[in-house]
Every structure is written in C-alpha cells, then in structure tokens.
C-alpha cells in the first residue's frame, strides 16, 4: 500500500501530465496532399505525410500564449505535387487562414497565398523535425515559416502590432534559410522573385508596412468586429482607413503584401460599398472617396471598383 507522501506525489504528477496533455495548441489545421499528377508512387506515402504534417501543425506548441480550444486558428495547407524524383518532390503549397468575426456566425479570410517554390524530400515514416536554431528539413521549415506568419497576422488583427514577435520569428527562419547550405534555395532568394517567402516577410516586418499592419487591426477589430452591432460605425472605420494605405503604395508600388491583402479583402470591401445608403449624401461622398482610393492602392482591380460608382 502506498504511503500518503507517495500518493500526493503521484497525484501531483498526474495533474501536471494532464495539464500538458490538455494544453490547447494554436491551430486547427487541415493538410491535404493532391498527388494525382504523380504516377507509380505508393499512395501510403502521401497518407502518412498528410497525417504527420497535420500532427506537426496541430499538436505542437508554437507560442507561450494560452489558446483556448475556441481560439484555435482555422487554416488549410493544400499541397499539389507535380514531380517526383526518388524521394524529392516538387509542387505548390496553398496556405489559407481565417479569423472569426465577433458575434457573427461567419469568419473572414486573413491570409491566402499560393507558393509555387515548394520543393522537399521525404521518405515514408520519416520523422518531421523542426528546430528554429538548426533548420534541416525543407518541408518543416516552409511550414513553420507560414505558421509564424499566420500567428503574426492573426495577432495583428486583435491588437495593433500584436503579432510582431511572431513575424520576427518568421523573419529569422527566412534569414537562416537564405544562408543555409542544407536547405533548397527555392522560395528564399529575394533576387529570384518579387513574390516569395523572403519578400513577404521582409515587407511585413519593415517600417514601410507598419501602416498596413495598423490598418489590418482597424479593419478587423474596429471594423468587422463592430459591424455585427453597428454596421455604419464599423464600415466607416474600414472605408476611412483606406486613405492611410496610399502612403504604403507610394513607397512600395505593387508590393506583394498589399496584393495579398486585397486578394482576400476586396470582396468584403466591395460588399460594404454596395450596401451603402445611396440617399444619404454623406454616405455617397464617402463611397466615392473610398472608390478613388481603392483605384490607387489596388490598381489591378480599378475597373471593378469603377463599376461600383455607376
């Protein structure tokens, strides 16, 4: 029979273990691998990899913050494989992350990117390893980069510049990967492309783009979250804040980060404009001013915005 001291020790141990077991991680991620273009490869390899990557994202603690189960970030990682050579794979990676809107049954897309510089090696049942101080696997390095980027963008949407420490983690990964002799250079060389991982995080962490990050906070926390209770108040914050983005566009024309931002926000903004009261002179004026700004900061969709003014 156990004495009281041993019983107490065992109870404390169980409580501690339960605490670690029940600790909520940050993500509710889904990983899908489309291998239809790959012929003659055992399907079990891809099934194993899907499962391993899902566990890698969802079961690992990426921050020191306390995330409740309801606060987990919803995201998808969709891998499309196009080539295979032994255990070396080439393809693309689409990453999407969403954020709930306060007091609403819908969510808003925070981030959606297609990474066409996606190359990695993998052997069935290989252990996925990630150590930010010693990057050894292309696959986990790429995933970790996007995980910290998503954490940064999500935190920015709830608190102004709240995601700085996570974006800096992504920047450190990119910096280490650029100088690595072990990792594939695809996606990390800023000179090879104007739209890759290194360009993205370089922009997000630069002083030139702090205005965009500040607007993201206003857009989500003071705009969308408020609209569930006061549509006019929330929409005014979103539309009035657009003016601040002109300075970003002037300093960094046609930037990758602005492109990605409007890729996921254009339809929401257009819907806000469509619902504005056309019999209210001040609303009409605000709509016209917003459209003129949008034509400047999101020039590739200027015709779409122009149609809204008719």
C-alpha atoms as a PDB file:
ATOM      1  CA  UNK A   1       0.000   0.000   0.000  1.00  0.00           C
ATOM      2  CA  UNK A   2       1.276   3.471  -0.896  1.00  0.00           C
ATOM      3  CA  UNK A   3       2.017   5.902   1.911  1.00  0.00           C
ATOM      4  CA  UNK A   4       0.472   9.388   1.895  1.00  0.00           C
ATOM      5  CA  UNK A   5       3.620  11.055   0.590  1.00  0.00           C
ATOM      6  CA  UNK A   6       3.790   8.762  -2.449  1.00  0.00           C
ATOM      7  CA  UNK A   7       0.064   9.232  -3.119  1.00  0.00           C
ATOM      8  CA  UNK A   8       0.424  13.018  -3.056  1.00  0.00           C
ATOM      9  CA  UNK A   9       3.445  12.823  -5.357  1.00  0.00           C
ATOM     10  CA  UNK A  10       1.533  10.628  -7.799  1.00  0.00           C
ATOM     11  CA  UNK A  11      -1.477  12.980  -7.768  1.00  0.00           C
ATOM     12  CA  UNK A  12       0.727  15.992  -8.491  1.00  0.00           C
ATOM     13  CA  UNK A  13       2.416  14.099 -11.328  1.00  0.00           C
ATOM     14  CA  UNK A  14      -0.947  13.134 -12.873  1.00  0.00           C
ATOM     15  CA  UNK A  15      -2.231  16.714 -12.627  1.00  0.00           C
ATOM     16  CA  UNK A  16       0.911  18.031 -14.293  1.00  0.00           C
ATOM     17  CA  UNK A  17       0.666  15.449 -17.058  1.00  0.00           C
ATOM     18  CA  UNK A  18      -2.988  16.272 -17.631  1.00  0.00           C
ATOM     19  CA  UNK A  19      -2.071  19.923 -17.842  1.00  0.00           C
ATOM     20  CA  UNK A  20       0.433  19.234 -20.594  1.00  0.00           C
ATOM     21  CA  UNK A  21      -1.963  16.870 -22.362  1.00  0.00           C
ATOM     22  CA  UNK A  22      -4.934  19.225 -22.261  1.00  0.00           C
ATOM     23  CA  UNK A  23      -2.994  22.358 -23.124  1.00  0.00           C
ATOM     24  CA  UNK A  24      -4.656  23.841 -26.169  1.00  0.00           C
ATOM     25  CA  UNK A  25      -2.389  24.382 -29.123  1.00  0.00           C
ATOM     26  CA  UNK A  26      -2.758  27.284 -31.507  1.00  0.00           C
ATOM     27  CA  UNK A  27      -4.093  25.681 -34.685  1.00  0.00           C
ATOM     28  CA  UNK A  28      -6.952  23.697 -36.063  1.00  0.00           C
ATOM     29  CA  UNK A  29      -5.300  22.931 -39.376  1.00  0.00           C
ATOM     30  CA  UNK A  30      -6.182  20.636 -42.226  1.00  0.00           C
ATOM     31  CA  UNK A  31      -3.469  19.310 -44.520  1.00  0.00           C
ATOM     32  CA  UNK A  32      -4.350  17.880 -47.938  1.00  0.00           C
ATOM     33  CA  UNK A  33      -1.949  16.412 -50.486  1.00  0.00           C
ATOM     34  CA  UNK A  34      -3.065  16.249 -54.104  1.00  0.00           C
ATOM     35  CA  UNK A  35      -0.837  13.626 -55.732  1.00  0.00           C
ATOM     36  CA  UNK A  36      -2.906  12.913 -58.833  1.00  0.00           C
ATOM     37  CA  UNK A  37      -0.103  14.103 -61.129  1.00  0.00           C
ATOM     38  CA  UNK A  38       2.340  11.652 -59.562  1.00  0.00           C
ATOM     39  CA  UNK A  39       2.234   8.191 -61.137  1.00  0.00           C
ATOM     40  CA  UNK A  40       3.715   4.970 -59.846  1.00  0.00           C
ATOM     41  CA  UNK A  41       4.182   6.102 -56.244  1.00  0.00           C
ATOM     42  CA  UNK A  42       2.790   4.231 -53.268  1.00  0.00           C
ATOM     43  CA  UNK A  43      -0.264   6.173 -52.047  1.00  0.00           C
ATOM     44  CA  UNK A  44       0.542   5.242 -48.451  1.00  0.00           C
ATOM     45  CA  UNK A  45       3.485   7.668 -48.569  1.00  0.00           C
ATOM     46  CA  UNK A  46       1.126  10.588 -49.059  1.00  0.00           C
ATOM     47  CA  UNK A  47      -1.342   9.340 -46.481  1.00  0.00           C
ATOM     48  CA  UNK A  48       1.475   9.069 -43.959  1.00  0.00           C
ATOM     49  CA  UNK A  49       2.742  12.540 -44.819  1.00  0.00           C
ATOM     50  CA  UNK A  50      -0.724  14.120 -44.528  1.00  0.00           C
ATOM     51  CA  UNK A  51      -1.130  12.643 -41.076  1.00  0.00           C
ATOM     52  CA  UNK A  52       2.372  13.629 -39.955  1.00  0.00           C
ATOM     53  CA  UNK A  53       2.026  17.217 -41.176  1.00  0.00           C
ATOM     54  CA  UNK A  54      -1.374  17.597 -39.517  1.00  0.00           C
ATOM     55  CA  UNK A  55       0.119  16.465 -36.218  1.00  0.00           C
ATOM     56  CA  UNK A  56       3.148  18.710 -36.782  1.00  0.00           C
ATOM     57  CA  UNK A  57       0.951  21.795 -37.056  1.00  0.00           C
ATOM     58  CA  UNK A  58      -1.809  20.991 -34.570  1.00  0.00           C
ATOM     59  CA  UNK A  59      -0.033  19.123 -31.790  1.00  0.00           C
ATOM     60  CA  UNK A  60       2.987  21.342 -31.347  1.00  0.00           C
ATOM     61  CA  UNK A  61       3.065  24.420 -29.089  1.00  0.00           C
ATOM     62  CA  UNK A  62       4.274  27.266 -31.286  1.00  0.00           C
ATOM     63  CA  UNK A  63       3.895  30.035 -28.707  1.00  0.00           C
ATOM     64  CA  UNK A  64       3.919  30.616 -24.960  1.00  0.00           C
ATOM     65  CA  UNK A  65       0.394  32.005 -25.123  1.00  0.00           C
ATOM     66  CA  UNK A  66      -2.652  30.267 -23.704  1.00  0.00           C
ATOM     67  CA  UNK A  67      -5.023  29.413 -26.551  1.00  0.00           C
ATOM     68  CA  UNK A  68      -8.457  28.102 -25.636  1.00  0.00           C
ATOM     69  CA  UNK A  69      -9.897  25.430 -27.976  1.00  0.00           C
ATOM     70  CA  UNK A  70     -12.357  28.003 -29.380  1.00  0.00           C
ATOM     71  CA  UNK A  71      -9.456  30.349 -30.148  1.00  0.00           C
ATOM     72  CA  UNK A  72      -7.544  27.958 -32.357  1.00  0.00           C
ATOM     73  CA  UNK A  73      -6.737  29.408 -35.746  1.00  0.00           C
ATOM     74  CA  UNK A  74      -8.528  27.720 -38.627  1.00  0.00           C
ATOM     75  CA  UNK A  75      -6.174  27.140 -41.543  1.00  0.00           C
ATOM     76  CA  UNK A  76      -5.583  24.868 -44.537  1.00  0.00           C
ATOM     77  CA  UNK A  77      -2.392  23.653 -46.166  1.00  0.00           C
ATOM     78  CA  UNK A  78      -3.082  22.286 -49.636  1.00  0.00           C
ATOM     79  CA  UNK A  79      -0.111  20.636 -51.348  1.00  0.00           C
ATOM     80  CA  UNK A  80      -0.254  19.905 -55.064  1.00  0.00           C
ATOM     81  CA  UNK A  81       2.569  17.650 -56.211  1.00  0.00           C
ATOM     82  CA  UNK A  82       3.673  17.832 -59.837  1.00  0.00           C
ATOM     83  CA  UNK A  83       7.004  15.982 -59.968  1.00  0.00           C
ATOM     84  CA  UNK A  84       8.869  13.278 -58.080  1.00  0.00           C
ATOM     85  CA  UNK A  85      12.427  12.040 -58.371  1.00  0.00           C
ATOM     86  CA  UNK A  86      13.139   9.332 -55.842  1.00  0.00           C
ATOM     87  CA  UNK A  87      12.271  10.949 -52.515  1.00  0.00           C
ATOM     88  CA  UNK A  88      12.439  14.514 -53.904  1.00  0.00           C
ATOM     89  CA  UNK A  89       9.122  16.244 -54.593  1.00  0.00           C
ATOM     90  CA  UNK A  90       8.203  19.422 -56.443  1.00  0.00           C
ATOM     91  CA  UNK A  91       4.867  21.201 -56.420  1.00  0.00           C
ATOM     92  CA  UNK A  92       2.945  24.087 -54.914  1.00  0.00           C
ATOM     93  CA  UNK A  93       1.599  24.914 -51.481  1.00  0.00           C
ATOM     94  CA  UNK A  94      -1.577  26.908 -50.900  1.00  0.00           C
ATOM     95  CA  UNK A  95      -1.956  28.289 -47.382  1.00  0.00           C
ATOM     96  CA  UNK A  96      -5.199  29.803 -46.120  1.00  0.00           C
ATOM     97  CA  UNK A  97      -6.028  31.141 -42.669  1.00  0.00           C
ATOM     98  CA  UNK A  98      -9.285  32.516 -41.285  1.00  0.00           C
ATOM     99  CA  UNK A  99     -10.362  34.618 -38.330  1.00  0.00           C
ATOM    100  CA  UNK A 100     -13.792  34.630 -36.648  1.00  0.00           C
ATOM    101  CA  UNK A 101     -15.833  37.837 -36.676  1.00  0.00           C
ATOM    102  CA  UNK A 102     -17.078  38.893 -33.242  1.00  0.00           C
ATOM    103  CA  UNK A 103     -20.671  37.928 -32.514  1.00  0.00           C
ATOM    104  CA  UNK A 104     -21.178  36.564 -36.020  1.00  0.00           C
ATOM    105  CA  UNK A 105     -21.545  33.085 -37.465  1.00  0.00           C
ATOM    106  CA  UNK A 106     -19.065  33.764 -40.263  1.00  0.00           C
ATOM    107  CA  UNK A 107     -15.324  34.209 -40.463  1.00  0.00           C
ATOM    108  CA  UNK A 108     -13.053  36.374 -42.575  1.00  0.00           C
ATOM    109  CA  UNK A 109     -10.022  35.233 -44.536  1.00  0.00           C
ATOM    110  CA  UNK A 110      -6.792  36.619 -43.105  1.00  0.00           C
ATOM    111  CA  UNK A 111      -4.318  35.103 -45.498  1.00  0.00           C
ATOM    112  CA  UNK A 112      -4.331  33.202 -48.749  1.00  0.00           C
ATOM    113  CA  UNK A 113      -1.153  32.514 -50.680  1.00  0.00           C
ATOM    114  CA  UNK A 114      -0.014  30.068 -53.340  1.00  0.00           C
ATOM    115  CA  UNK A 115       3.671  29.195 -53.015  1.00  0.00           C
ATOM    116  CA  UNK A 116       4.968  27.785 -56.296  1.00  0.00           C
ATOM    117  CA  UNK A 117       8.538  27.406 -54.991  1.00  0.00           C
ATOM    118  CA  UNK A 118       7.753  24.312 -52.985  1.00  0.00           C
ATOM    119  CA  UNK A 119      10.369  21.545 -53.020  1.00  0.00           C
ATOM    120  CA  UNK A 120      11.226  18.964 -50.383  1.00  0.00           C
ATOM    121  CA  UNK A 121      12.475  15.450 -49.732  1.00  0.00           C
ATOM    122  CA  UNK A 122      10.560  12.874 -47.754  1.00  0.00           C
ATOM    123  CA  UNK A 123      10.776   9.154 -47.014  1.00  0.00           C
ATOM    124  CA  UNK A 124       7.761   7.270 -45.712  1.00  0.00           C
ATOM    125  CA  UNK A 125       7.591   7.293 -41.895  1.00  0.00           C
ATOM    126  CA  UNK A 126      10.382   9.868 -41.730  1.00  0.00           C
ATOM    127  CA  UNK A 127      10.174  11.933 -38.545  1.00  0.00           C
ATOM    128  CA  UNK A 128       9.317  15.584 -39.076  1.00  0.00           C
ATOM    129  CA  UNK A 129      11.800  17.693 -37.150  1.00  0.00           C
ATOM    130  CA  UNK A 130      11.888  21.439 -36.607  1.00  0.00           C
ATOM    131  CA  UNK A 131      14.405  23.404 -34.578  1.00  0.00           C
ATOM    132  CA  UNK A 132      14.421  27.103 -35.365  1.00  0.00           C
ATOM    133  CA  UNK A 133      18.092  27.281 -34.430  1.00  0.00           C
ATOM    134  CA  UNK A 134      19.080  24.457 -36.766  1.00  0.00           C
ATOM    135  CA  UNK A 135      16.968  24.143 -39.907  1.00  0.00           C
ATOM    136  CA  UNK A 136      17.434  20.758 -41.568  1.00  0.00           C
ATOM    137  CA  UNK A 137      14.222  19.897 -43.444  1.00  0.00           C
ATOM    138  CA  UNK A 138      12.731  21.960 -46.264  1.00  0.00           C
ATOM    139  CA  UNK A 139       9.234  20.708 -45.518  1.00  0.00           C
ATOM    140  CA  UNK A 140       9.111  21.663 -41.848  1.00  0.00           C
ATOM    141  CA  UNK A 141      10.973  24.914 -42.474  1.00  0.00           C
ATOM    142  CA  UNK A 142       8.415  26.031 -45.061  1.00  0.00           C
ATOM    143  CA  UNK A 143       5.510  25.039 -42.836  1.00  0.00           C
ATOM    144  CA  UNK A 144       6.991  26.738 -39.761  1.00  0.00           C
ATOM    145  CA  UNK A 145       7.548  29.918 -41.744  1.00  0.00           C
ATOM    146  CA  UNK A 146       3.875  30.103 -42.703  1.00  0.00           C
ATOM    147  CA  UNK A 147       2.759  29.110 -39.212  1.00  0.00           C
ATOM    148  CA  UNK A 148       4.585  32.049 -37.624  1.00  0.00           C
ATOM    149  CA  UNK A 149       3.395  34.366 -40.391  1.00  0.00           C
ATOM    150  CA  UNK A 150      -0.203  33.340 -39.719  1.00  0.00           C
ATOM    151  CA  UNK A 151       0.274  33.770 -35.972  1.00  0.00           C
ATOM    152  CA  UNK A 152       1.590  37.269 -36.624  1.00  0.00           C
ATOM    153  CA  UNK A 153      -1.239  38.298 -38.920  1.00  0.00           C
ATOM    154  CA  UNK A 154      -3.843  36.843 -36.558  1.00  0.00           C
ATOM    155  CA  UNK A 155      -2.410  38.648 -33.529  1.00  0.00           C
ATOM    156  CA  UNK A 156      -2.172  41.904 -35.501  1.00  0.00           C
ATOM    157  CA  UNK A 157      -5.909  41.664 -36.197  1.00  0.00           C
ATOM    158  CA  UNK A 158      -6.742  41.632 -32.471  1.00  0.00           C
ATOM    159  CA  UNK A 159      -4.153  44.103 -31.166  1.00  0.00           C
ATOM    160  CA  UNK A 160      -2.248  46.793 -33.035  1.00  0.00           C
ATOM    161  CA  UNK A 161       1.175  45.318 -33.876  1.00  0.00           C
ATOM    162  CA  UNK A 162       0.341  42.398 -31.585  1.00  0.00           C
ATOM    163  CA  UNK A 163       1.949  39.942 -33.997  1.00  0.00           C
ATOM    164  CA  UNK A 164       5.412  41.495 -34.100  1.00  0.00           C
ATOM    165  CA  UNK A 165       7.180  38.729 -32.174  1.00  0.00           C
ATOM    166  CA  UNK A 166       5.711  36.038 -34.430  1.00  0.00           C
ATOM    167  CA  UNK A 167       6.551  37.886 -37.631  1.00  0.00           C
ATOM    168  CA  UNK A 168      10.086  38.269 -36.328  1.00  0.00           C
ATOM    169  CA  UNK A 169      10.229  34.506 -35.829  1.00  0.00           C
ATOM    170  CA  UNK A 170       9.213  34.055 -39.484  1.00  0.00           C
ATOM    171  CA  UNK A 171      11.855  36.613 -40.478  1.00  0.00           C
ATOM    172  CA  UNK A 172      14.519  34.700 -38.554  1.00  0.00           C
ATOM    173  CA  UNK A 173      13.523  31.483 -40.319  1.00  0.00           C
ATOM    174  CA  UNK A 174      13.766  33.212 -43.701  1.00  0.00           C
ATOM    175  CA  UNK A 175      17.154  34.729 -42.859  1.00  0.00           C
ATOM    176  CA  UNK A 176      18.543  31.379 -41.707  1.00  0.00           C
ATOM    177  CA  UNK A 177      17.108  29.558 -44.717  1.00  0.00           C
ATOM    178  CA  UNK A 178      18.661  32.051 -47.150  1.00  0.00           C
ATOM    179  CA  UNK A 179      22.153  31.305 -45.860  1.00  0.00           C
ATOM    180  CA  UNK A 180      21.633  27.566 -45.360  1.00  0.00           C
ATOM    181  CA  UNK A 181      23.764  25.055 -47.236  1.00  0.00           C
ATOM    182  CA  UNK A 182      21.346  22.264 -46.300  1.00  0.00           C
ATOM    183  CA  UNK A 183      18.010  23.674 -47.480  1.00  0.00           C
ATOM    184  CA  UNK A 184      16.734  24.179 -51.001  1.00  0.00           C
ATOM    185  CA  UNK A 185      17.027  27.824 -52.053  1.00  0.00           C
ATOM    186  CA  UNK A 186      13.613  27.817 -53.760  1.00  0.00           C
ATOM    187  CA  UNK A 187      11.392  30.497 -52.269  1.00  0.00           C
ATOM    188  CA  UNK A 188      14.073  32.065 -50.098  1.00  0.00           C
ATOM    189  CA  UNK A 189      16.142  34.074 -52.578  1.00  0.00           C
ATOM    190  CA  UNK A 190      14.773  37.628 -52.760  1.00  0.00           C
ATOM    191  CA  UNK A 191      16.633  38.255 -56.004  1.00  0.00           C
ATOM    192  CA  UNK A 192      14.905  35.421 -57.842  1.00  0.00           C
ATOM    193  CA  UNK A 193      11.362  36.696 -57.425  1.00  0.00           C
ATOM    194  CA  UNK A 194       9.320  39.664 -56.255  1.00  0.00           C
ATOM    195  CA  UNK A 195       6.741  37.311 -54.789  1.00  0.00           C
ATOM    196  CA  UNK A 196       8.203  34.684 -52.499  1.00  0.00           C
ATOM    197  CA  UNK A 197       8.522  33.882 -48.803  1.00  0.00           C
ATOM    198  CA  UNK A 198      11.501  36.137 -48.124  1.00  0.00           C
ATOM    199  CA  UNK A 199       9.933  39.097 -49.911  1.00  0.00           C
ATOM    200  CA  UNK A 200       6.684  38.627 -47.981  1.00  0.00           C
ATOM    201  CA  UNK A 201       8.220  38.611 -44.518  1.00  0.00           C
ATOM    202  CA  UNK A 202      10.716  41.326 -45.375  1.00  0.00           C
ATOM    203  CA  UNK A 203       7.801  43.594 -46.265  1.00  0.00           C
ATOM    204  CA  UNK A 204       5.680  42.634 -43.268  1.00  0.00           C
ATOM    205  CA  UNK A 205       8.481  43.427 -40.814  1.00  0.00           C
ATOM    206  CA  UNK A 206       9.660  46.635 -42.467  1.00  0.00           C
ATOM    207  CA  UNK A 207       8.770  50.128 -41.253  1.00  0.00           C
ATOM    208  CA  UNK A 208       7.218  50.884 -44.650  1.00  0.00           C
ATOM    209  CA  UNK A 209       4.411  48.410 -43.990  1.00  0.00           C
ATOM    210  CA  UNK A 210       3.548  49.317 -40.390  1.00  0.00           C
ATOM    211  CA  UNK A 211       0.721  51.426 -41.784  1.00  0.00           C
ATOM    212  CA  UNK A 212      -0.801  48.366 -43.463  1.00  0.00           C
ATOM    213  CA  UNK A 213      -0.467  46.346 -40.264  1.00  0.00           C
ATOM    214  CA  UNK A 214      -2.130  49.142 -38.279  1.00  0.00           C
ATOM    215  CA  UNK A 215      -4.943  49.224 -40.815  1.00  0.00           C
ATOM    216  CA  UNK A 216      -5.372  45.459 -40.502  1.00  0.00           C
ATOM    217  CA  UNK A 217      -6.092  45.946 -36.792  1.00  0.00           C
ATOM    218  CA  UNK A 218      -8.612  48.698 -37.530  1.00  0.00           C
ATOM    219  CA  UNK A 219     -10.153  46.672 -40.351  1.00  0.00           C
ATOM    220  CA  UNK A 220     -10.740  43.585 -38.223  1.00  0.00           C
ATOM    221  CA  UNK A 221     -11.090  44.686 -34.609  1.00  0.00           C
ATOM    222  CA  UNK A 222     -12.626  48.138 -35.042  1.00  0.00           C
ATOM    223  CA  UNK A 223     -14.353  47.401 -38.342  1.00  0.00           C
ATOM    224  CA  UNK A 224     -15.655  43.873 -38.922  1.00  0.00           C
ATOM    225  CA  UNK A 225     -15.993  43.033 -35.220  1.00  0.00           C
ATOM    226  CA  UNK A 226     -18.032  46.198 -34.641  1.00  0.00           C
ATOM    227  CA  UNK A 227     -20.276  45.754 -37.682  1.00  0.00           C
ATOM    228  CA  UNK A 228     -22.202  42.922 -36.024  1.00  0.00           C
ATOM    229  CA  UNK A 229     -23.634  45.532 -33.627  1.00  0.00           C
ATOM    230  CA  UNK A 230     -23.256  48.769 -35.575  1.00  0.00           C
ATOM    231  CA  UNK A 231     -22.839  48.415 -39.336  1.00  0.00           C
ATOM    232  CA  UNK A 232     -22.343  52.118 -40.035  1.00  0.00           C
ATOM    233  CA  UNK A 233     -19.718  52.577 -37.340  1.00  0.00           C
ATOM    234  CA  UNK A 234     -17.682  49.543 -38.392  1.00  0.00           C
ATOM    235  CA  UNK A 235     -17.898  50.238 -42.117  1.00  0.00           C
ATOM    236  CA  UNK A 236     -16.779  53.850 -41.623  1.00  0.00           C
ATOM    237  CA  UNK A 237     -13.618  52.674 -39.884  1.00  0.00           C
ATOM    238  CA  UNK A 238     -12.849  50.308 -42.761  1.00  0.00           C
ATOM    239  CA  UNK A 239     -13.524  52.828 -45.518  1.00  0.00           C
ATOM    240  CA  UNK A 240     -11.933  55.853 -43.844  1.00  0.00           C
ATOM    241  CA  UNK A 241      -8.823  53.846 -43.048  1.00  0.00           C
ATOM    242  CA  UNK A 242      -8.190  53.037 -46.702  1.00  0.00           C
ATOM    243  CA  UNK A 243      -6.720  56.515 -47.177  1.00  0.00           C
ATOM    244  CA  UNK A 244      -3.748  55.574 -45.000  1.00  0.00           C
ATOM    245  CA  UNK A 245      -2.728  52.878 -47.476  1.00  0.00           C
ATOM    246  CA  UNK A 246      -1.881  55.450 -50.131  1.00  0.00           C
ATOM    247  CA  UNK A 247       1.404  56.124 -48.340  1.00  0.00           C
ATOM    248  CA  UNK A 248       2.267  52.414 -48.459  1.00  0.00           C
ATOM    249  CA  UNK A 249       1.526  52.221 -52.177  1.00  0.00           C
ATOM    250  CA  UNK A 250       3.572  55.372 -52.829  1.00  0.00           C
ATOM    251  CA  UNK A 251       6.618  53.996 -51.015  1.00  0.00           C
ATOM    252  CA  UNK A 252       6.315  50.431 -52.320  1.00  0.00           C
ATOM    253  CA  UNK A 253       4.238  50.313 -55.516  1.00  0.00           C
ATOM    254  CA  UNK A 254       2.579  46.992 -56.396  1.00  0.00           C
ATOM    255  CA  UNK A 255       4.029  45.272 -53.337  1.00  0.00           C
ATOM    256  CA  UNK A 256       3.471  41.586 -52.688  1.00  0.00           C
ATOM    257  CA  UNK A 257       1.954  42.193 -49.260  1.00  0.00           C
ATOM    258  CA  UNK A 258      -0.606  44.707 -50.493  1.00  0.00           C
ATOM    259  CA  UNK A 259      -1.520  42.330 -53.310  1.00  0.00           C
ATOM    260  CA  UNK A 260      -2.156  39.508 -50.838  1.00  0.00           C
ATOM    261  CA  UNK A 261      -4.145  41.791 -48.534  1.00  0.00           C
ATOM    262  CA  UNK A 262      -6.546  42.902 -51.248  1.00  0.00           C
ATOM    263  CA  UNK A 263      -6.779  39.390 -52.675  1.00  0.00           C
ATOM    264  CA  UNK A 264      -8.679  38.395 -49.536  1.00  0.00           C
ATOM    265  CA  UNK A 265     -10.381  41.687 -48.670  1.00  0.00           C
ATOM    266  CA  UNK A 266     -11.612  43.090 -51.990  1.00  0.00           C
ATOM    267  CA  UNK A 267     -14.963  41.269 -51.987  1.00  0.00           C
ATOM    268  CA  UNK A 268     -15.698  42.282 -48.395  1.00  0.00           C
ATOM    269  CA  UNK A 269     -14.928  45.918 -49.155  1.00  0.00           C
ATOM    270  CA  UNK A 270     -16.996  45.824 -52.342  1.00  0.00           C
ATOM    271  CA  UNK A 271     -19.942  44.392 -50.405  1.00  0.00           C
ATOM    272  CA  UNK A 272     -19.686  47.214 -47.868  1.00  0.00           C
ATOM    273  CA  UNK A 273     -19.725  49.766 -50.677  1.00  0.00           C
ATOM    274  CA  UNK A 274     -22.685  48.100 -52.367  1.00  0.00           C
ATOM    275  CA  UNK A 275     -24.751  48.236 -49.181  1.00  0.00           C
ATOM    276  CA  UNK A 276     -24.199  51.947 -48.534  1.00  0.00           C
ATOM    277  CA  UNK A 277     -27.259  54.206 -48.479  1.00  0.00           C
ATOM    278  CA  UNK A 278     -27.376  55.995 -51.836  1.00  0.00           C
ATOM    279  CA  UNK A 279     -29.907  58.500 -50.480  1.00  0.00           C
ATOM    280  CA  UNK A 280     -27.522  59.747 -47.815  1.00  0.00           C
ATOM    281  CA  UNK A 281     -25.302  62.459 -49.277  1.00  0.00           C
ATOM    282  CA  UNK A 282     -22.507  61.898 -46.743  1.00  0.00           C
ATOM    283  CA  UNK A 283     -22.565  58.146 -47.439  1.00  0.00           C
ATOM    284  CA  UNK A 284     -22.434  58.756 -51.182  1.00  0.00           C
ATOM    285  CA  UNK A 285     -19.457  61.074 -50.734  1.00  0.00           C
ATOM    286  CA  UNK A 286     -17.667  58.557 -48.529  1.00  0.00           C
ATOM    287  CA  UNK A 287     -18.296  55.832 -51.088  1.00  0.00           C
ATOM    288  CA  UNK A 288     -16.902  57.935 -53.931  1.00  0.00           C
ATOM    289  CA  UNK A 289     -13.796  58.836 -51.932  1.00  0.00           C
ATOM    290  CA  UNK A 290     -13.225  55.191 -50.982  1.00  0.00           C
ATOM    291  CA  UNK A 291     -13.510  54.072 -54.605  1.00  0.00           C
ATOM    292  CA  UNK A 292     -10.935  56.656 -55.716  1.00  0.00           C
ATOM    293  CA  UNK A 293      -8.507  55.455 -53.051  1.00  0.00           C
ATOM    294  CA  UNK A 294      -9.067  51.794 -53.953  1.00  0.00           C
ATOM    295  CA  UNK A 295      -8.318  52.525 -57.606  1.00  0.00           C
ATOM    296  CA  UNK A 296      -4.910  53.784 -56.483  1.00  0.00           C
ATOM    297  CA  UNK A 297      -3.925  51.224 -53.859  1.00  0.00           C
ATOM    298  CA  UNK A 298      -5.397  48.206 -55.674  1.00  0.00           C
ATOM    299  CA  UNK A 299      -4.940  49.341 -59.255  1.00  0.00           C
ATOM    300  CA  UNK A 300      -5.262  45.885 -60.814  1.00  0.00           C
ATOM    301  CA  UNK A 301      -8.947  45.873 -59.826  1.00  0.00           C
ATOM    302  CA  UNK A 302      -9.646  49.523 -60.666  1.00  0.00           C
ATOM    303  CA  UNK A 303     -12.309  48.584 -63.253  1.00  0.00           C
ATOM    304  CA  UNK A 304     -14.193  46.544 -60.650  1.00  0.00           C
ATOM    305  CA  UNK A 305     -14.209  49.499 -58.290  1.00  0.00           C
ATOM    306  CA  UNK A 306     -15.194  51.863 -61.084  1.00  0.00           C
ATOM    307  CA  UNK A 307     -18.331  49.814 -61.731  1.00  0.00           C
ATOM    308  CA  UNK A 308     -19.449  50.389 -58.145  1.00  0.00           C
ATOM    309  CA  UNK A 309     -19.709  54.124 -58.707  1.00  0.00           C
ATOM    310  CA  UNK A 310     -22.252  53.727 -61.525  1.00  0.00           C
END
